[in-house]
Protein backbone atom coordinates (compact mmCIF):
# COMPACT_ATOMS: atom_id res chain seq x y z
CA UNK A 1 -2.34 -21.80 8.51
CA UNK A 2 -4.13 -21.95 5.16
CA UNK A 3 -5.66 -25.29 6.10
CA UNK A 4 -7.09 -23.80 9.30
CA UNK A 5 -8.45 -20.79 7.41
CA UNK A 6 -10.09 -23.07 4.86
CA UNK A 7 -11.72 -25.12 7.63
CA UNK A 8 -12.98 -21.95 9.29
CA UNK A 9 -14.37 -20.59 6.02
CA UNK A 10 -12.10 -17.52 6.10
CA UNK A 11 -11.23 -16.07 2.70
CA UNK A 12 -7.62 -14.99 2.22
CA UNK A 13 -5.14 -13.68 -0.31
CA UNK A 14 -1.41 -13.24 -0.66
CA UNK A 15 -0.36 -16.82 0.13
CA UNK A 16 -1.17 -20.23 -1.24
CA UNK A 17 -0.18 -23.74 -2.20
CA UNK A 18 1.46 -22.39 -5.36
CA UNK A 19 2.02 -19.11 -7.21
CA UNK A 20 -1.40 -19.20 -8.86
CA UNK A 21 -3.26 -19.54 -5.57
CA UNK A 22 -1.03 -17.00 -3.78
CA UNK A 23 -1.85 -14.31 -6.34
CA UNK A 24 -5.53 -15.20 -6.71
CA UNK A 25 -7.92 -12.29 -6.01
CA UNK A 26 -10.68 -12.71 -3.45
CA UNK A 27 -14.07 -11.43 -4.68
CA UNK A 28 -16.86 -10.66 -2.22
CA UNK A 29 -20.30 -9.45 -3.29
CA UNK A 30 -22.67 -7.65 -0.95
CA UNK A 31 -25.43 -5.14 -1.50
CA UNK A 32 -25.05 -5.46 -5.26
CA UNK A 33 -21.39 -4.39 -5.13
CA UNK A 34 -18.47 -6.72 -5.80
CA UNK A 35 -15.23 -5.92 -4.00
CA UNK A 36 -11.97 -7.64 -4.93
CA UNK A 37 -8.94 -8.02 -2.68
CA UNK A 38 -5.43 -8.67 -3.98
CA UNK A 39 -2.55 -9.03 -1.50
CA UNK A 40 1.19 -8.97 -2.15
CA UNK A 41 4.43 -8.29 -0.27
CA UNK A 42 7.92 -7.07 -1.10
CA UNK A 43 9.28 -8.75 2.06
CA UNK A 44 10.89 -12.18 2.44
CA UNK A 45 11.69 -13.14 -1.17
CA UNK A 46 12.85 -16.56 0.06
CA UNK A 47 9.20 -17.34 0.86
CA UNK A 48 7.98 -16.62 -2.68
CA UNK A 49 5.44 -19.12 -3.98
CA UNK A 50 6.30 -20.86 -7.25
CA UNK A 51 4.55 -23.33 -9.53
CA UNK A 52 5.99 -26.14 -7.40
CA UNK A 53 6.22 -24.55 -3.95
CA UNK A 54 3.77 -22.96 -1.50
CA UNK A 55 4.47 -19.48 -0.22
CA UNK A 56 3.61 -15.81 -0.51
CA UNK A 57 2.79 -13.53 -3.42
CA UNK A 58 6.11 -11.70 -3.63
CA UNK A 59 6.33 -8.63 -5.87
CA UNK A 60 9.26 -6.18 -5.75
CA UNK A 61 8.18 -2.52 -6.13
CA UNK A 62 10.05 -2.20 -9.42
CA UNK A 63 7.73 -1.38 -12.32
CA UNK A 64 10.09 -3.02 -14.82
CA UNK A 65 10.14 -6.36 -12.98
CA UNK A 66 8.11 -9.14 -14.63
CA UNK A 67 6.35 -9.90 -11.36
CA UNK A 68 5.25 -6.27 -11.02
CA UNK A 69 3.96 -6.27 -14.59
CA UNK A 70 2.03 -9.45 -13.81
CA UNK A 71 0.48 -7.69 -10.80
CA UNK A 72 -0.57 -4.71 -12.93
CA UNK A 73 -2.16 -7.06 -15.47
CA UNK A 74 -3.89 -8.97 -12.67
CA UNK A 75 -5.41 -5.76 -11.33
CA UNK A 76 -6.63 -4.76 -14.79
CA UNK A 77 -8.25 -8.15 -15.29
CA UNK A 78 -9.79 -8.13 -11.81
CA UNK A 79 -11.23 -4.66 -12.36
CA UNK A 80 -13.37 -6.08 -15.18
CA UNK A 81 -15.01 -8.40 -12.62
CA UNK A 82 -15.32 -6.10 -9.60
CA UNK A 83 -16.72 -2.68 -8.79
CA UNK A 84 -14.01 -1.93 -6.27
CA UNK A 85 -10.46 -3.29 -6.11
CA UNK A 86 -8.42 -3.15 -2.90
CA UNK A 87 -4.71 -3.97 -3.15
CA UNK A 88 -3.05 -4.91 0.13
CA UNK A 89 0.67 -4.08 0.07
CA UNK A 90 2.76 -5.50 2.90
CA UNK A 91 5.87 -3.55 2.01
CA UNK A 92 8.98 -1.73 3.08
CA UNK A 93 11.18 -1.85 6.13
CA UNK A 94 10.06 -1.38 9.71
CA UNK A 95 9.68 2.08 11.25
CA UNK A 96 9.83 5.55 9.78
CA UNK A 97 7.02 7.99 8.99
CA UNK A 98 7.82 8.34 5.28
CA UNK A 99 7.27 5.72 2.56
CA UNK A 100 10.18 4.16 0.74
CA UNK A 101 11.20 6.27 -2.30
CA UNK A 102 9.95 3.63 -4.74
CA UNK A 103 6.55 3.21 -3.09
CA UNK A 104 4.71 6.38 -4.27
CA UNK A 105 5.33 5.81 -8.00
CA UNK A 106 4.55 2.12 -7.60
CA UNK A 107 1.33 2.86 -5.69
CA UNK A 108 0.21 5.29 -8.38
CA UNK A 109 0.84 2.62 -11.00
CA UNK A 110 -1.38 0.27 -9.00
CA UNK A 111 -4.13 2.89 -9.17
CA UNK A 112 -3.50 3.47 -12.89
CA UNK A 113 -4.00 -0.29 -13.33
CA UNK A 114 -7.39 -0.22 -11.58
CA UNK A 115 -6.86 -0.24 -7.80
CA UNK A 116 -9.37 1.89 -5.89
CA UNK A 117 -7.59 1.56 -2.54
CA UNK A 118 -3.93 0.75 -1.93
CA UNK A 119 -3.78 -0.55 1.63
CA UNK A 120 -0.16 -0.33 2.75
CA UNK A 121 1.14 -1.86 5.95
CA UNK A 122 4.22 -3.54 7.47
CA UNK A 123 6.29 -0.82 9.15
CA UNK A 124 4.36 -0.83 12.48
CA UNK A 125 3.60 2.91 12.38
CA UNK A 126 1.16 4.91 10.30
CA UNK A 127 2.19 7.03 7.34
CA UNK A 128 0.49 9.71 5.26
CA UNK A 129 -2.39 9.25 2.85
CA UNK A 130 -2.36 10.35 -0.77
CA UNK A 131 -5.36 11.01 -2.99
CA UNK A 132 -4.52 10.07 -6.57
CA UNK A 133 -7.13 10.11 -9.34
CA UNK A 134 -9.80 10.20 -6.61
CA UNK A 135 -8.46 6.93 -5.20
CA UNK A 136 -6.90 6.25 -1.82
CA UNK A 137 -3.26 5.39 -1.21
CA UNK A 138 -2.69 4.50 2.44
CA UNK A 139 1.08 4.11 2.67
CA UNK A 140 0.91 2.44 6.06
CA UNK A 141 -1.97 1.86 8.45
CA UNK A 142 0.11 1.06 11.53
CA UNK A 143 -0.75 -1.70 13.99
CA UNK A 144 -3.75 -3.22 15.69
CA UNK A 145 -1.71 -6.12 17.10
CA UNK A 146 1.93 -5.56 18.02
CA UNK A 147 4.32 -7.67 20.07
CA UNK A 148 7.06 -5.03 19.87
CA UNK A 149 7.88 -2.88 22.88
CA UNK A 150 6.37 0.59 22.49
CA UNK A 151 8.82 2.98 20.88
CA UNK A 152 8.28 6.32 22.63
CA UNK A 153 9.23 8.28 19.52
CA UNK A 154 7.71 6.11 16.75
CA UNK A 155 4.60 5.28 18.84
CA UNK A 156 3.80 1.94 17.27
CA UNK A 157 0.91 1.64 19.73
CA UNK A 158 -1.03 4.41 17.98
CA UNK A 159 -3.03 4.13 14.78
CA UNK A 160 -6.60 4.42 13.47
CA UNK A 161 -9.71 2.55 12.45
CA UNK A 162 -9.86 3.41 8.74
CA UNK A 163 -13.45 3.63 7.48
CA UNK A 164 -13.77 3.99 3.73
CA UNK A 165 -17.17 5.16 2.49
CA UNK A 166 -18.33 4.15 -0.96
CA UNK A 167 -21.08 5.19 -3.34
CA UNK A 168 -21.52 2.32 -5.75
CA UNK A 169 -18.17 1.84 -7.43
CA UNK A 170 -16.84 5.20 -6.23
CA UNK A 171 -14.79 6.02 -3.14
CA UNK A 172 -16.85 8.69 -1.42
CA UNK A 173 -14.90 9.37 1.77
CA UNK A 174 -12.47 8.19 4.41
CA UNK A 175 -12.74 8.62 8.17
CA UNK A 176 -9.95 7.87 10.62
CA UNK A 177 -10.81 7.05 14.24
CA UNK A 178 -7.67 7.28 16.43
CA UNK A 179 -6.75 4.17 18.41
CA UNK A 180 -4.21 3.14 21.05
CA UNK A 181 -3.05 -0.38 21.86
CA UNK A 182 -3.44 -0.78 25.63
CA UNK A 183 -3.32 -3.96 27.69
CA UNK A 184 -2.98 -5.99 24.46
CA UNK A 185 -6.15 -4.51 22.97
CA UNK A 186 -6.75 -1.87 20.33
CA UNK A 187 -9.00 0.76 21.88
CA UNK A 188 -10.39 4.09 20.78
CA UNK A 189 -8.00 6.79 21.95
CA UNK A 190 -8.95 9.16 24.76
CA UNK A 191 -10.22 12.57 23.60
CA UNK A 192 -6.87 14.19 24.37
CA UNK A 193 -4.76 11.46 22.72
CA UNK A 194 -7.08 11.35 19.71
CA UNK A 195 -6.36 14.97 18.83
CA UNK A 196 -2.60 14.46 19.15
CA UNK A 197 -2.64 11.32 16.99
CA UNK A 198 -4.83 12.97 14.36
CA UNK A 199 -2.58 16.04 14.28
CA UNK A 200 0.41 13.86 13.49
CA UNK A 201 -1.47 12.21 10.63
CA UNK A 202 -2.57 15.59 9.30
CA UNK A 203 1.05 16.72 9.06
CA UNK A 204 1.96 13.52 7.20
CA UNK A 205 -0.95 14.00 4.80
CA UNK A 206 0.06 17.61 4.15
CA UNK A 207 3.20 16.36 2.44
CA UNK A 208 1.03 14.69 -0.20
CA UNK A 209 -1.23 17.71 -0.60
CA UNK A 210 -4.07 15.77 1.02
CA UNK A 211 -6.62 17.96 2.78
CA UNK A 212 -8.00 16.82 6.13
CA UNK A 213 -10.28 18.12 8.85
CA UNK A 214 -10.90 17.08 12.43
CA UNK A 215 -14.55 16.31 13.19
CA UNK A 216 -14.92 17.08 16.88
CA UNK A 217 -18.47 15.72 17.08
CA UNK A 218 -17.54 12.30 15.67
CA UNK A 219 -13.99 12.46 17.04
CA UNK A 220 -12.46 11.39 13.77
CA UNK A 221 -10.17 12.76 11.09
CA UNK A 222 -11.86 13.20 7.73
CA UNK A 223 -9.92 12.90 4.48
CA UNK A 224 -11.34 15.33 1.90
CA UNK A 225 -11.34 13.31 -1.30
CA UNK A 226 -13.25 15.80 -3.37
CA UNK A 227 -10.42 18.29 -2.93
CA UNK A 228 -7.59 15.81 -3.28
CA UNK A 229 -4.75 16.00 -5.75
CA UNK A 230 -4.16 13.89 -8.84
């Protein structure tokens, strides 16, 4: 896969020919702003990249683990080179609307180390959003592509387009546009479904003290960063 991505000129993170490449940040500069992406997972430890073996950037969500401390140091170092740092966390088990107990303290440590956005995913359904130190923690963004059968209770076919707004090196806002996977495509949800999906996210955000409001004109859920906790 990495060979094909290289040939296509697609930048990637979280996997590589060895541990160094798997953990290497991707830096992209546009409009005078440099954004860095770091990707890790706490899944499939048998696939962990080493100095002699290709694989994934595996980091258990245990702040005392050497690999976690390396990740924190990597974020600090990367922050000196980038205006914005996004950390992609493919973590936790499948299903369930609440993050694993160890994820919130670990996510906050990622922010303390310099992450501006923690982009969680893996469990196939969306979870709540926390505002911490004016940064975004998205515990799970759900699915755009899903080969699972639709669970009528978990609704793994429903999610959002997450649009983060920035002002220089500052996160200025977050808008969520409800989506539904239909006929193997992610589509904007119907007006009726959009309200239902957004309402579920609002309830999940409430548990983190995150304030939200539905924008009927733009048909999106707005996360109110300026009134967030932290």
